[in-house]
Amino acid sequence: MDADVTKRAEQKKALEKIKNGLATKVRIMVNRDCCPACRAAEGAYEFDQAPELPLEGCSHPDGCRCFYAPVLDMFGP
């Protein structure tokens, strides 16, 4: 199986897990040395507006390393 297809399936599963948890939104996290396309995608999104990962147009030599993280702004102590 192609590496991008595998990554896409893993990230889609991660997004569904976040969506079905306590998160109110999803955040795309990027690495410090990410490419411009990944840097532009960094931030919080409504679930239905989050870009699919790995990002198309990523130019990093190691490929897209972005990942989803939950936004829990309505929960906490």
C-alpha atoms as a PDB file:
ATOM      1  CA  MET A   1       0.000   0.000   0.000  1.00  0.00           C
ATOM      2  CA  ASP A   2       1.254   3.476  -0.861  1.00  0.00           C
ATOM      3  CA  ALA A   3       2.659   5.427   2.107  1.00  0.00           C
ATOM      4  CA  ASP A   4       0.396   8.445   1.468  1.00  0.00           C
ATOM      5  CA  VAL A   5      -2.681   6.202   1.328  1.00  0.00           C
ATOM      6  CA  THR A   6      -1.686   4.622   4.635  1.00  0.00           C
ATOM      7  CA  LYS A   7      -1.027   8.033   6.245  1.00  0.00           C
ATOM      8  CA  ARG A   8      -4.334   9.370   4.908  1.00  0.00           C
ATOM      9  CA  ALA A   9      -6.226   6.400   6.400  1.00  0.00           C
ATOM     10  CA  GLU A  10      -4.462   6.800   9.763  1.00  0.00           C
ATOM     11  CA  GLN A  11      -5.174  10.547   9.900  1.00  0.00           C
ATOM     12  CA  LYS A  12      -8.812  10.035   8.882  1.00  0.00           C
ATOM     13  CA  LYS A  13      -9.200   7.557  11.750  1.00  0.00           C
ATOM     14  CA  ALA A  14      -7.545  10.023  14.159  1.00  0.00           C
ATOM     15  CA  LEU A  15      -9.891  12.812  13.038  1.00  0.00           C
ATOM     16  CA  GLU A  16     -12.948  10.601  13.604  1.00  0.00           C
ATOM     17  CA  LYS A  17     -11.712   9.694  17.093  1.00  0.00           C
ATOM     18  CA  ILE A  18     -11.280  13.390  17.957  1.00  0.00           C
ATOM     19  CA  LYS A  19     -14.677  14.256  16.452  1.00  0.00           C
ATOM     20  CA  ASN A  20     -16.406  11.565  18.540  1.00  0.00           C
ATOM     21  CA  GLY A  21     -14.710  12.685  21.771  1.00  0.00           C
ATOM     22  CA  LEU A  22     -15.017  15.881  23.800  1.00  0.00           C
ATOM     23  CA  ALA A  23     -13.359  18.176  21.255  1.00  0.00           C
ATOM     24  CA  THR A  24     -15.222  21.205  19.955  1.00  0.00           C
ATOM     25  CA  LYS A  25     -12.902  21.641  16.952  1.00  0.00           C
ATOM     26  CA  VAL A  26      -9.766  20.089  15.513  1.00  0.00           C
ATOM     27  CA  ARG A  27      -6.345  21.717  15.262  1.00  0.00           C
ATOM     28  CA  ILE A  28      -3.711  20.951  12.641  1.00  0.00           C
ATOM     29  CA  MET A  29      -0.323  20.782  14.306  1.00  0.00           C
ATOM     30  CA  VAL A  30       2.856  21.265  12.270  1.00  0.00           C
ATOM     31  CA  ASN A  31       6.547  20.664  12.854  1.00  0.00           C
ATOM     32  CA  ARG A  32       8.958  23.518  13.437  1.00  0.00           C
ATOM     33  CA  ASP A  33      10.677  22.894  10.099  1.00  0.00           C
ATOM     34  CA  CYS A  34       7.513  22.397   8.038  1.00  0.00           C
ATOM     35  CA  CYS A  35       7.031  23.601   4.468  1.00  0.00           C
ATOM     36  CA  PRO A  36       5.014  26.732   3.527  1.00  0.00           C
ATOM     37  CA  ALA A  37       1.912  24.685   2.616  1.00  0.00           C
ATOM     38  CA  CYS A  38       1.837  23.042   6.023  1.00  0.00           C
ATOM     39  CA  ARG A  39       2.531  26.345   7.808  1.00  0.00           C
ATOM     40  CA  ALA A  40      -0.443  27.892   5.977  1.00  0.00           C
ATOM     41  CA  ALA A  41      -2.727  25.049   7.125  1.00  0.00           C
ATOM     42  CA  GLU A  42      -1.715  25.311  10.793  1.00  0.00           C
ATOM     43  CA  GLY A  43      -4.583  26.231  13.100  1.00  0.00           C
ATOM     44  CA  ALA A  44      -8.037  25.275  14.384  1.00  0.00           C
ATOM     45  CA  TYR A  45     -10.915  24.203  12.144  1.00  0.00           C
ATOM     46  CA  GLU A  46     -14.517  23.141  12.360  1.00  0.00           C
ATOM     47  CA  PHE A  47     -14.597  19.389  11.788  1.00  0.00           C
ATOM     48  CA  ASP A  48     -16.161  19.643   8.337  1.00  0.00           C
ATOM     49  CA  GLN A  49     -13.668  22.304   7.193  1.00  0.00           C
ATOM     50  CA  ALA A  50     -10.403  20.644   8.248  1.00  0.00           C
ATOM     51  CA  PRO A  51      -8.079  19.864   5.352  1.00  0.00           C
ATOM     52  CA  GLU A  52      -7.365  16.207   4.721  1.00  0.00           C
ATOM     53  CA  LEU A  53      -3.974  14.981   5.923  1.00  0.00           C
ATOM     54  CA  PRO A  54      -1.375  14.418   4.621  1.00  0.00           C
ATOM     55  CA  LEU A  55      -1.646  17.806   2.948  1.00  0.00           C
ATOM     56  CA  GLU A  56      -1.514  17.977  -0.820  1.00  0.00           C
ATOM     57  CA  GLY A  57       1.204  20.350  -1.910  1.00  0.00           C
ATOM     58  CA  CYS A  58       3.540  19.564   0.981  1.00  0.00           C
ATOM     59  CA  SER A  59       7.106  20.065  -0.206  1.00  0.00           C
ATOM     60  CA  HIS A  60       9.042  18.801   2.834  1.00  0.00           C
ATOM     61  CA  PRO A  61      11.634  16.147   1.879  1.00  0.00           C
ATOM     62  CA  ASP A  62      10.188  13.741   4.478  1.00  0.00           C
ATOM     63  CA  GLY A  63       6.596  14.362   3.340  1.00  0.00           C
ATOM     64  CA  CYS A  64       3.735  15.818   5.331  1.00  0.00           C
ATOM     65  CA  ARG A  65       4.186  15.315   9.074  1.00  0.00           C
ATOM     66  CA  CYS A  66       1.158  17.346  10.178  1.00  0.00           C
ATOM     67  CA  PHE A  67      -1.295  15.752  12.570  1.00  0.00           C
ATOM     68  CA  TYR A  68      -4.687  16.461  14.086  1.00  0.00           C
ATOM     69  CA  ALA A  69      -5.127  17.448  17.746  1.00  0.00           C
ATOM     70  CA  PRO A  70      -8.345  18.124  19.659  1.00  0.00           C
ATOM     71  CA  VAL A  71      -9.444  21.621  20.674  1.00  0.00           C
ATOM     72  CA  LEU A  72     -11.006  21.393  24.127  1.00  0.00           C
ATOM     73  CA  ASP A  73     -11.910  25.039  24.677  1.00  0.00           C
ATOM     74  CA  MET A  74     -15.199  24.322  26.468  1.00  0.00           C
ATOM     75  CA  PHE A  75     -13.809  21.833  28.955  1.00  0.00           C
ATOM     76  CA  GLY A  76     -11.405  22.016  31.846  1.00  0.00           C
ATOM     77  CA  PRO A  77     -11.116  22.861  35.514  1.00  0.00           C
END
